[in-house]
Amino acid sequence: MERASDSNKANLWRQHFIDFDRSQLSVAQFCQSIGCSIPTFYHWKRKLTKTPRPSAFLRVQTTDEQTSSVDIRLPNGISIRVPLVAIGSLSDILQQLA
C-alpha cells in the first residue's frame, strides 16, 4: 500500500512541476498556491530528477577454475589483480580508486 501511495505522490509532484514551469510564479508563490512548503518542493524536485549512477562494475569473465587471483580491468585502463584470499577487501580496494 505504501508503494502505491509513493507512486501517486510522485505522479502528483510530476504534474506540480509541469504546472510550476507553466505558471511563471516564483517557487515561494507556487508553493503557497498548492499549500506546500518550499523544502518539500525542493525535496521532490531532487527526488524526481535524481539520475541513477552507472555501475562501476563490469562483467566478470573467468578462464581457469584453479586460479588464485582475480584480474579486474577498469574502463580507464587500470588493471587490478586481487588474490582470492583478499577478495573480501575488494569493496575497500575499489573505494580507494574512486
PDB file of N, CA and C in Angstrom:
ATOM      1  N   MET A   1       0.827  -1.186   0.000  1.00  0.00           N
ATOM      2  CA  MET A   1       0.000   0.000   0.000  1.00  0.00           C
ATOM      3  C   MET A   1       0.874   1.254   0.000  1.00  0.00           C
ATOM      4  N   GLU A   2       1.988   1.236   0.721  1.00  0.00           N
ATOM      5  CA  GLU A   2       2.880   2.388   0.782  1.00  0.00           C
ATOM      6  C   GLU A   2       3.450   2.718  -0.593  1.00  0.00           C
ATOM      7  N   ARG A   3       3.779   1.690  -1.367  1.00  0.00           N
ATOM      8  CA  ARG A   3       4.379   1.931  -2.682  1.00  0.00           C
ATOM      9  C   ARG A   3       3.395   2.640  -3.604  1.00  0.00           C
ATOM     10  N   ALA A   4       2.148   2.242  -3.559  1.00  0.00           N
ATOM     11  CA  ALA A   4       1.148   2.915  -4.393  1.00  0.00           C
ATOM     12  C   ALA A   4       1.031   4.372  -3.975  1.00  0.00           C
ATOM     13  N   SER A   5       1.071   4.622  -2.685  1.00  0.00           N
ATOM     14  CA  SER A   5       0.987   5.983  -2.176  1.00  0.00           C
ATOM     15  C   SER A   5       2.188   6.803  -2.654  1.00  0.00           C
ATOM     16  N   ASP A   6       3.387   6.233  -2.567  1.00  0.00           N
ATOM     17  CA  ASP A   6       4.588   6.916  -3.046  1.00  0.00           C
ATOM     18  C   ASP A   6       4.505   7.165  -4.550  1.00  0.00           C
ATOM     19  N   SER A   7       3.999   6.193  -5.277  1.00  0.00           N
ATOM     20  CA  SER A   7       3.853   6.338  -6.718  1.00  0.00           C
ATOM     21  C   SER A   7       2.844   7.442  -7.039  1.00  0.00           C
ATOM     22  N   ASN A   8       1.756   7.477  -6.304  1.00  0.00           N
ATOM     23  CA  ASN A   8       0.749   8.529  -6.511  1.00  0.00           C
ATOM     24  C   ASN A   8       1.324   9.900  -6.182  1.00  0.00           C
ATOM     25  N   LYS A   9       2.105   9.969  -5.101  1.00  0.00           N
ATOM     26  CA  LYS A   9       2.731  11.242  -4.732  1.00  0.00           C
ATOM     27  C   LYS A   9       3.710  11.689  -5.812  1.00  0.00           C
ATOM     28  N   ALA A  10       4.485  10.743  -6.318  1.00  0.00           N
ATOM     29  CA  ALA A  10       5.453  11.077  -7.363  1.00  0.00           C
ATOM     30  C   ALA A  10       4.729  11.594  -8.603  1.00  0.00           C
ATOM     31  N   ASN A  11       3.630  10.948  -8.980  1.00  0.00           N
ATOM     32  CA  ASN A  11       2.865  11.404 -10.139  1.00  0.00           C
ATOM     33  C   ASN A  11       2.272  12.783  -9.893  1.00  0.00           C
ATOM     34  N   LEU A  12       1.780  13.005  -8.689  1.00  0.00           N
ATOM     35  CA  LEU A  12       1.232  14.310  -8.337  1.00  0.00           C
ATOM     36  C   LEU A  12       2.306  15.390  -8.447  1.00  0.00           C
ATOM     37  N   TRP A  13       3.510  15.083  -7.922  1.00  0.00           N
ATOM     38  CA  TRP A  13       4.591  16.070  -7.980  1.00  0.00           C
ATOM     39  C   TRP A  13       5.102  16.284  -9.391  1.00  0.00           C
ATOM     40  N   ARG A  14       5.081  15.266 -10.225  1.00  0.00           N
ATOM     41  CA  ARG A  14       5.449  15.474 -11.640  1.00  0.00           C
ATOM     42  C   ARG A  14       4.501  16.491 -12.277  1.00  0.00           C
ATOM     43  N   GLN A  15       3.209  16.336 -11.976  1.00  0.00           N
ATOM     44  CA  GLN A  15       2.227  17.287 -12.507  1.00  0.00           C
ATOM     45  C   GLN A  15       2.446  18.676 -11.913  1.00  0.00           C
ATOM     46  N   HIS A  16       2.771  18.726 -10.606  1.00  0.00           N
ATOM     47  CA  HIS A  16       3.064  20.025  -9.983  1.00  0.00           C
ATOM     48  C   HIS A  16       4.210  20.735 -10.700  1.00  0.00           C
ATOM     49  N   PHE A  17       5.256  19.995 -11.062  1.00  0.00           N
ATOM     50  CA  PHE A  17       6.402  20.620 -11.725  1.00  0.00           C
ATOM     51  C   PHE A  17       6.048  21.091 -13.138  1.00  0.00           C
ATOM     52  N   ILE A  18       5.181  20.362 -13.813  1.00  0.00           N
ATOM     53  CA  ILE A  18       4.696  20.825 -15.120  1.00  0.00           C
ATOM     54  C   ILE A  18       3.919  22.129 -14.932  1.00  0.00           C
ATOM     55  N   ASP A  19       3.037  22.129 -13.917  1.00  0.00           N
ATOM     56  CA  ASP A  19       2.248  23.328 -13.630  1.00  0.00           C
ATOM     57  C   ASP A  19       3.155  24.498 -13.227  1.00  0.00           C
ATOM     58  N   PHE A  20       4.170  24.213 -12.432  1.00  0.00           N
ATOM     59  CA  PHE A  20       5.101  25.258 -11.998  1.00  0.00           C
ATOM     60  C   PHE A  20       5.814  25.883 -13.200  1.00  0.00           C
ATOM     61  N   ASP A  21       6.296  25.033 -14.106  1.00  0.00           N
ATOM     62  CA  ASP A  21       7.011  25.536 -15.286  1.00  0.00           C
ATOM     63  C   ASP A  21       6.118  26.452 -16.127  1.00  0.00           C
ATOM     64  N   ARG A  22       4.847  26.143 -16.177  1.00  0.00           N
ATOM     65  CA  ARG A  22       3.901  26.956 -16.965  1.00  0.00           C
ATOM     66  C   ARG A  22       3.440  28.210 -16.230  1.00  0.00           C
ATOM     67  N   SER A  23       3.559  28.204 -14.921  1.00  0.00           N
ATOM     68  CA  SER A  23       2.947  29.253 -14.104  1.00  0.00           C
ATOM     69  C   SER A  23       3.676  30.599 -14.124  1.00  0.00           C
ATOM     70  N   GLN A  24       4.964  30.583 -14.326  1.00  0.00           N
ATOM     71  CA  GLN A  24       5.801  31.786 -14.238  1.00  0.00           C
ATOM     72  C   GLN A  24       5.752  32.422 -12.843  1.00  0.00           C
ATOM     73  N   LEU A  25       5.416  31.613 -11.827  1.00  0.00           N
ATOM     74  CA  LEU A  25       5.438  32.072 -10.440  1.00  0.00           C
ATOM     75  C   LEU A  25       6.802  31.765  -9.846  1.00  0.00           C
ATOM     76  N   SER A  26       7.131  32.460  -8.769  1.00  0.00           N
ATOM     77  CA  SER A  26       8.340  32.104  -8.020  1.00  0.00           C
ATOM     78  C   SER A  26       8.046  30.801  -7.275  1.00  0.00           C
ATOM     79  N   VAL A  27       9.091  30.160  -6.802  1.00  0.00           N
ATOM     80  CA  VAL A  27       8.897  28.926  -6.037  1.00  0.00           C
ATOM     81  C   VAL A  27       8.021  29.196  -4.817  1.00  0.00           C
ATOM     82  N   ALA A  28       8.298  30.285  -4.112  1.00  0.00           N
ATOM     83  CA  ALA A  28       7.510  30.614  -2.911  1.00  0.00           C
ATOM     84  C   ALA A  28       6.040  30.820  -3.258  1.00  0.00           C
ATOM     85  N   GLN A  29       5.773  31.550  -4.344  1.00  0.00           N
ATOM     86  CA  GLN A  29       4.382  31.797  -4.742  1.00  0.00           C
ATOM     87  C   GLN A  29       3.692  30.498  -5.148  1.00  0.00           C
ATOM     88  N   PHE A  30       4.404  29.678  -5.904  1.00  0.00           N
ATOM     89  CA  PHE A  30       3.809  28.415  -6.345  1.00  0.00           C
ATOM     90  C   PHE A  30       3.515  27.510  -5.154  1.00  0.00           C
ATOM     91  N   CYS A  31       4.475  27.409  -4.229  1.00  0.00           N
ATOM     92  CA  CYS A  31       4.276  26.564  -3.047  1.00  0.00           C
ATOM     93  C   CYS A  31       3.063  27.035  -2.245  1.00  0.00           C
ATOM     94  N   GLN A  32       2.924  28.336  -2.110  1.00  0.00           N
ATOM     95  CA  GLN A  32       1.777  28.879  -1.392  1.00  0.00           C
ATOM     96  C   GLN A  32       0.481  28.515  -2.118  1.00  0.00           C
ATOM     97  N   SER A  33       0.499  28.544  -3.437  1.00  0.00           N
ATOM     98  CA  SER A  33      -0.713  28.263  -4.210  1.00  0.00           C
ATOM     99  C   SER A  33      -1.166  26.809  -4.100  1.00  0.00           C
ATOM    100  N   ILE A  34      -0.210  25.887  -3.892  1.00  0.00           N
ATOM    101  CA  ILE A  34      -0.604  24.470  -3.771  1.00  0.00           C
ATOM    102  C   ILE A  34      -0.572  23.986  -2.328  1.00  0.00           C
ATOM    103  N   GLY A  35      -0.183  24.872  -1.410  1.00  0.00           N
ATOM    104  CA  GLY A  35      -0.207  24.519   0.013  1.00  0.00           C
ATOM    105  C   GLY A  35       0.907  23.600   0.460  1.00  0.00           C
ATOM    106  N   CYS A  36       2.109  23.835  -0.039  1.00  0.00           N
ATOM    107  CA  CYS A  36       3.251  23.029   0.419  1.00  0.00           C
ATOM    108  C   CYS A  36       4.375  23.964   0.843  1.00  0.00           C
ATOM    109  N   SER A  37       5.342  23.413   1.521  1.00  0.00           N
ATOM    110  CA  SER A  37       6.496  24.209   1.948  1.00  0.00           C
ATOM    111  C   SER A  37       7.551  24.218   0.846  1.00  0.00           C
ATOM    112  N   ILE A  38       8.404  25.202   0.892  1.00  0.00           N
ATOM    113  CA  ILE A  38       9.493  25.301  -0.081  1.00  0.00           C
ATOM    114  C   ILE A  38      10.451  24.105   0.049  1.00  0.00           C
ATOM    115  N   PRO A  39      10.820  23.687   1.282  1.00  0.00           N
ATOM    116  CA  PRO A  39      11.682  22.496   1.375  1.00  0.00           C
ATOM    117  C   PRO A  39      11.044  21.243   0.757  1.00  0.00           C
ATOM    118  N   THR A  40       9.722  21.103   0.892  1.00  0.00           N
ATOM    119  CA  THR A  40       9.042  19.953   0.284  1.00  0.00           C
ATOM    120  C   THR A  40       9.141  20.022  -1.231  1.00  0.00           C
ATOM    121  N   PHE A  41       8.984  21.203  -1.791  1.00  0.00           N
ATOM    122  CA  PHE A  41       9.111  21.409  -3.236  1.00  0.00           C
ATOM    123  C   PHE A  41      10.490  20.928  -3.716  1.00  0.00           C
ATOM    124  N   TYR A  42      11.541  21.386  -3.044  1.00  0.00           N
ATOM    125  CA  TYR A  42      12.891  21.016  -3.474  1.00  0.00           C
ATOM    126  C   TYR A  42      13.212  19.545  -3.185  1.00  0.00           C
ATOM    127  N   HIS A  43      12.631  19.000  -2.127  1.00  0.00           N
ATOM    128  CA  HIS A  43      12.809  17.563  -1.838  1.00  0.00           C
ATOM    129  C   HIS A  43      12.308  16.733  -3.018  1.00  0.00           C
ATOM    130  N   TRP A  44      11.089  17.038  -3.480  1.00  0.00           N
ATOM    131  CA  TRP A  44      10.518  16.279  -4.591  1.00  0.00           C
ATOM    132  C   TRP A  44      11.241  16.571  -5.901  1.00  0.00           C
ATOM    133  N   LYS A  45      11.705  17.778  -6.065  1.00  0.00           N
ATOM    134  CA  LYS A  45      12.457  18.107  -7.283  1.00  0.00           C
ATOM    135  C   LYS A  45      13.725  17.259  -7.362  1.00  0.00           C
ATOM    136  N   ARG A  46      14.453  17.168  -6.227  1.00  0.00           N
ATOM    137  CA  ARG A  46      15.668  16.332  -6.194  1.00  0.00           C
ATOM    138  C   ARG A  46      15.313  14.872  -6.406  1.00  0.00           C
ATOM    139  N   LYS A  47      14.266  14.414  -5.739  1.00  0.00           N
ATOM    140  CA  LYS A  47      13.876  13.002  -5.797  1.00  0.00           C
ATOM    141  C   LYS A  47      13.498  12.593  -7.217  1.00  0.00           C
ATOM    142  N   LEU A  48      12.800  13.460  -7.918  1.00  0.00           N
ATOM    143  CA  LEU A  48      12.323  13.099  -9.257  1.00  0.00           C
ATOM    144  C   LEU A  48      13.341  13.361 -10.354  1.00  0.00           C
ATOM    145  N   THR A  49      14.354  14.159 -10.086  1.00  0.00           N
ATOM    146  CA  THR A  49      15.362  14.421 -11.118  1.00  0.00           C
ATOM    147  C   THR A  49      16.652  13.661 -10.859  1.00  0.00           C
ATOM    148  N   LYS A  50      16.683  12.888  -9.800  1.00  0.00           N
ATOM    149  CA  LYS A  50      17.882  12.109  -9.476  1.00  0.00           C
ATOM    150  C   LYS A  50      18.104  11.061 -10.566  1.00  0.00           C
ATOM    151  N   THR A  51      19.312  11.047 -11.105  1.00  0.00           N
ATOM    152  CA  THR A  51      19.656  10.036 -12.102  1.00  0.00           C
ATOM    153  C   THR A  51      20.481   8.945 -11.431  1.00  0.00           C
ATOM    154  N   PRO A  52      20.170   7.707 -11.730  1.00  0.00           N
ATOM    155  CA  PRO A  52      20.941   6.631 -11.115  1.00  0.00           C
ATOM    156  C   PRO A  52      22.386   6.658 -11.590  1.00  0.00           C
ATOM    157  N   ARG A  53      23.284   6.378 -10.660  1.00  0.00           N
ATOM    158  CA  ARG A  53      24.706   6.324 -11.010  1.00  0.00           C
ATOM    159  C   ARG A  53      24.971   5.062 -11.818  1.00  0.00           C
ATOM    160  N   PRO A  54      25.726   5.185 -12.887  1.00  0.00           N
ATOM    161  CA  PRO A  54      26.052   3.978 -13.645  1.00  0.00           C
ATOM    162  C   PRO A  54      26.931   3.064 -12.795  1.00  0.00           C
ATOM    163  N   SER A  55      26.754   1.800 -12.979  1.00  0.00           N
ATOM    164  CA  SER A  55      27.534   0.829 -12.219  1.00  0.00           C
ATOM    165  C   SER A  55      28.995   0.914 -12.606  1.00  0.00           C
ATOM    166  N   ALA A  56      29.854   0.847 -11.594  1.00  0.00           N
ATOM    167  CA  ALA A  56      31.290   0.881 -11.842  1.00  0.00           C
ATOM    168  C   ALA A  56      31.818  -0.517 -12.158  1.00  0.00           C
ATOM    169  N   PHE A  57      30.949  -1.503 -12.064  1.00  0.00           N
ATOM    170  CA  PHE A  57      31.386  -2.875 -12.255  1.00  0.00           C
ATOM    171  C   PHE A  57      31.107  -3.346 -13.673  1.00  0.00           C
ATOM    172  N   LEU A  58      31.993  -4.157 -14.163  1.00  0.00           N
ATOM    173  CA  LEU A  58      31.853  -4.748 -15.479  1.00  0.00           C
ATOM    174  C   LEU A  58      31.659  -6.246 -15.345  1.00  0.00           C
ATOM    175  N   ARG A  59      31.329  -6.874 -16.447  1.00  0.00           N
ATOM    176  CA  ARG A  59      31.129  -8.315 -16.477  1.00  0.00           C
ATOM    177  C   ARG A  59      32.427  -9.023 -16.065  1.00  0.00           C
ATOM    178  N   VAL A  60      32.286 -10.050 -15.256  1.00  0.00           N
ATOM    179  CA  VAL A  60      33.445 -10.836 -14.822  1.00  0.00           C
ATOM    180  C   VAL A  60      33.550 -12.060 -15.716  1.00  0.00           C
ATOM    181  N   GLN A  61      34.737 -12.292 -16.201  1.00  0.00           N
ATOM    182  CA  GLN A  61      34.964 -13.433 -17.067  1.00  0.00           C
ATOM    183  C   GLN A  61      36.056 -14.295 -16.439  1.00  0.00           C
ATOM    184  N   THR A  62      35.734 -15.534 -16.160  1.00  0.00           N
ATOM    185  CA  THR A  62      36.735 -16.432 -15.575  1.00  0.00           C
ATOM    186  C   THR A  62      37.288 -17.338 -16.665  1.00  0.00           C
ATOM    187  N   THR A  63      38.551 -17.701 -16.493  1.00  0.00           N
ATOM    188  CA  THR A  63      39.187 -18.538 -17.505  1.00  0.00           C
ATOM    189  C   THR A  63      39.736 -19.832 -16.922  1.00  0.00           C
ATOM    190  N   ASP A  64      39.970 -19.860 -15.622  1.00  0.00           N
ATOM    191  CA  ASP A  64      40.604 -21.029 -15.021  1.00  0.00           C
ATOM    192  C   ASP A  64      40.032 -21.245 -13.634  1.00  0.00           C
ATOM    193  N   GLU A  65      39.500 -22.433 -13.386  1.00  0.00           N
ATOM    194  CA  GLU A  65      38.917 -22.729 -12.078  1.00  0.00           C
ATOM    195  C   GLU A  65      39.977 -22.820 -10.990  1.00  0.00           C
ATOM    196  N   GLN A  66      41.213 -23.019 -11.341  1.00  0.00           N
ATOM    197  CA  GLN A  66      42.276 -23.181 -10.364  1.00  0.00           C
ATOM    198  C   GLN A  66      43.002 -21.870 -10.065  1.00  0.00           C
ATOM    199  N   THR A  67      42.500 -20.776 -10.570  1.00  0.00           N
ATOM    200  CA  THR A  67      43.190 -19.500 -10.402  1.00  0.00           C
ATOM    201  C   THR A  67      43.231 -19.081  -8.938  1.00  0.00           C
ATOM    202  N   SER A  68      44.253 -18.350  -8.566  1.00  0.00           N
ATOM    203  CA  SER A  68      44.394 -17.912  -7.175  1.00  0.00           C
ATOM    204  C   SER A  68      44.182 -16.405  -7.039  1.00  0.00           C
ATOM    205  N   SER A  69      43.833 -15.748  -8.160  1.00  0.00           N
ATOM    206  CA  SER A  69      43.581 -14.318  -8.105  1.00  0.00           C
ATOM    207  C   SER A  69      42.560 -13.939  -9.174  1.00  0.00           C
ATOM    208  N   VAL A  70      42.049 -12.730  -9.029  1.00  0.00           N
ATOM    209  CA  VAL A  70      41.095 -12.184  -9.990  1.00  0.00           C
ATOM    210  C   VAL A  70      41.712 -10.927 -10.573  1.00  0.00           C
ATOM    211  N   ASP A  71      41.709 -10.826 -11.898  1.00  0.00           N
ATOM    212  CA  ASP A  71      42.182  -9.615 -12.563  1.00  0.00           C
ATOM    213  C   ASP A  71      40.976  -8.756 -12.917  1.00  0.00           C
ATOM    214  N   ILE A  72      41.053  -7.481 -12.566  1.00  0.00           N
ATOM    215  CA  ILE A  72      39.980  -6.538 -12.853  1.00  0.00           C
ATOM    216  C   ILE A  72      40.543  -5.456 -13.750  1.00  0.00           C
ATOM    217  N   ARG A  73      39.923  -5.286 -14.914  1.00  0.00           N
ATOM    218  CA  ARG A  73      40.335  -4.230 -15.840  1.00  0.00           C
ATOM    219  C   ARG A  73      39.237  -3.184 -15.887  1.00  0.00           C
ATOM    220  N   LEU A  74      39.577  -1.965 -15.506  1.00  0.00           N
ATOM    221  CA  LEU A  74      38.623  -0.858 -15.482  1.00  0.00           C
ATOM    222  C   LEU A  74      38.614  -0.142 -16.826  1.00  0.00           C
ATOM    223  N   PRO A  75      37.503   0.543 -17.140  1.00  0.00           N
ATOM    224  CA  PRO A  75      37.412   1.223 -18.431  1.00  0.00           C
ATOM    225  C   PRO A  75      38.510   2.258 -18.651  1.00  0.00           C
ATOM    226  N   ASN A  76      39.074   2.819 -17.580  1.00  0.00           N
ATOM    227  CA  ASN A  76      40.122   3.836 -17.740  1.00  0.00           C
ATOM    228  C   ASN A  76      41.504   3.227 -17.947  1.00  0.00           C
ATOM    229  N   GLY A  77      41.576   1.894 -18.075  1.00  0.00           N
ATOM    230  CA  GLY A  77      42.844   1.235 -18.355  1.00  0.00           C
ATOM    231  C   GLY A  77      43.548   0.662 -17.141  1.00  0.00           C
ATOM    232  N   ILE A  78      43.098   1.001 -15.953  1.00  0.00           N
ATOM    233  CA  ILE A  78      43.715   0.468 -14.738  1.00  0.00           C
ATOM    234  C   ILE A  78      43.376  -1.015 -14.624  1.00  0.00           C
ATOM    235  N   SER A  79      44.382  -1.797 -14.289  1.00  0.00           N
ATOM    236  CA  SER A  79      44.215  -3.229 -14.092  1.00  0.00           C
ATOM    237  C   SER A  79      44.586  -3.565 -12.648  1.00  0.00           C
ATOM    238  N   ILE A  80      43.748  -4.349 -11.999  1.00  0.00           N
ATOM    239  CA  ILE A  80      43.968  -4.711 -10.597  1.00  0.00           C
ATOM    240  C   ILE A  80      43.947  -6.230 -10.483  1.00  0.00           C
ATOM    241  N   ARG A  81      44.939  -6.780  -9.812  1.00  0.00           N
ATOM    242  CA  ARG A  81      44.949  -8.219  -9.527  1.00  0.00           C
ATOM    243  C   ARG A  81      44.713  -8.385  -8.038  1.00  0.00           C
ATOM    244  N   VAL A  82      43.637  -9.081  -7.710  1.00  0.00           N
ATOM    245  CA  VAL A  82      43.254  -9.286  -6.311  1.00  0.00           C
ATOM    246  C   VAL A  82      43.359 -10.767  -5.992  1.00  0.00           C
ATOM    247  N   PRO A  83      44.219 -11.137  -5.030  1.00  0.00           N
ATOM    248  CA  PRO A  83      44.290 -12.541  -4.616  1.00  0.00           C
ATOM    249  C   PRO A  83      42.946 -12.977  -4.040  1.00  0.00           C
ATOM    250  N   LEU A  84      42.551 -14.208  -4.306  1.00  0.00           N
ATOM    251  CA  LEU A  84      41.266 -14.691  -3.806  1.00  0.00           C
ATOM    252  C   LEU A  84      41.169 -14.621  -2.292  1.00  0.00           C
ATOM    253  N   VAL A  85      42.291 -14.751  -1.609  1.00  0.00           N
ATOM    254  CA  VAL A  85      42.254 -14.670  -0.141  1.00  0.00           C
ATOM    255  C   VAL A  85      41.903 -13.261   0.322  1.00  0.00           C
ATOM    256  N   ALA A  86      42.045 -12.261  -0.560  1.00  0.00           N
ATOM    257  CA  ALA A  86      41.737 -10.876  -0.205  1.00  0.00           C
ATOM    258  C   ALA A  86      40.452 -10.385  -0.862  1.00  0.00           C
ATOM    259  N   ILE A  87      39.687 -11.283  -1.478  1.00  0.00           N
ATOM    260  CA  ILE A  87      38.504 -10.866  -2.224  1.00  0.00           C
ATOM    261  C   ILE A  87      37.477 -10.163  -1.322  1.00  0.00           C
ATOM    262  N   GLY A  88      37.497 -10.472  -0.032  1.00  0.00           N
ATOM    263  CA  GLY A  88      36.613  -9.781   0.906  1.00  0.00           C
ATOM    264  C   GLY A  88      36.912  -8.295   1.036  1.00  0.00           C
ATOM    265  N   SER A  89      38.111  -7.902   0.641  1.00  0.00           N
ATOM    266  CA  SER A  89      38.513  -6.490   0.709  1.00  0.00           C
ATOM    267  C   SER A  89      38.308  -5.779  -0.618  1.00  0.00           C
ATOM    268  N   LEU A  90      37.700  -6.439  -1.599  1.00  0.00           N
ATOM    269  CA  LEU A  90      37.535  -5.847  -2.911  1.00  0.00           C
ATOM    270  C   LEU A  90      36.784  -4.515  -2.854  1.00  0.00           C
ATOM    271  N   SER A  91      35.755  -4.434  -2.055  1.00  0.00           N
ATOM    272  CA  SER A  91      34.990  -3.195  -1.929  1.00  0.00           C
ATOM    273  C   SER A  91      35.882  -2.055  -1.458  1.00  0.00           C
ATOM    274  N   ASP A  92      36.712  -2.314  -0.455  1.00  0.00           N
ATOM    275  CA  ASP A  92      37.636  -1.284   0.063  1.00  0.00           C
ATOM    276  C   ASP A  92      38.655  -0.877  -0.998  1.00  0.00           C
ATOM    277  N   ILE A  93      39.132  -1.852  -1.756  1.00  0.00           N
ATOM    278  CA  ILE A  93      40.105  -1.572  -2.799  1.00  0.00           C
ATOM    279  C   ILE A  93      39.498  -0.650  -3.852  1.00  0.00           C
ATOM    280  N   LEU A  94      38.269  -0.955  -4.290  1.00  0.00           N
ATOM    281  CA  LEU A  94      37.617  -0.144  -5.314  1.00  0.00           C
ATOM    282  C   LEU A  94      37.264   1.236  -4.801  1.00  0.00           C
ATOM    283  N   GLN A  95      36.925   1.349  -3.526  1.00  0.00           N
ATOM    284  CA  GLN A  95      36.627   2.671  -2.971  1.00  0.00           C
ATOM    285  C   GLN A  95      37.876   3.562  -2.974  1.00  0.00           C
ATOM    286  N   GLN A  96      39.030   2.966  -2.801  1.00  0.00           N
ATOM    287  CA  GLN A  96      40.274   3.730  -2.839  1.00  0.00           C
ATOM    288  C   GLN A  96      40.518   4.298  -4.222  1.00  0.00           C
ATOM    289  N   LEU A  97      40.013   3.629  -5.258  1.00  0.00           N
ATOM    290  CA  LEU A  97      40.208   4.095  -6.617  1.00  0.00           C
ATOM    291  C   LEU A  97      39.211   5.174  -7.026  1.00  0.00           C
ATOM    292  N   ALA A  98      38.099   5.254  -6.305  1.00  0.00           N
ATOM    293  CA  ALA A  98      37.030   6.201  -6.684  1.00  0.00           C
ATOM    294  C   ALA A  98      37.429   7.622  -6.432  1.00  0.00           C
TER     295      ALA A  98
END
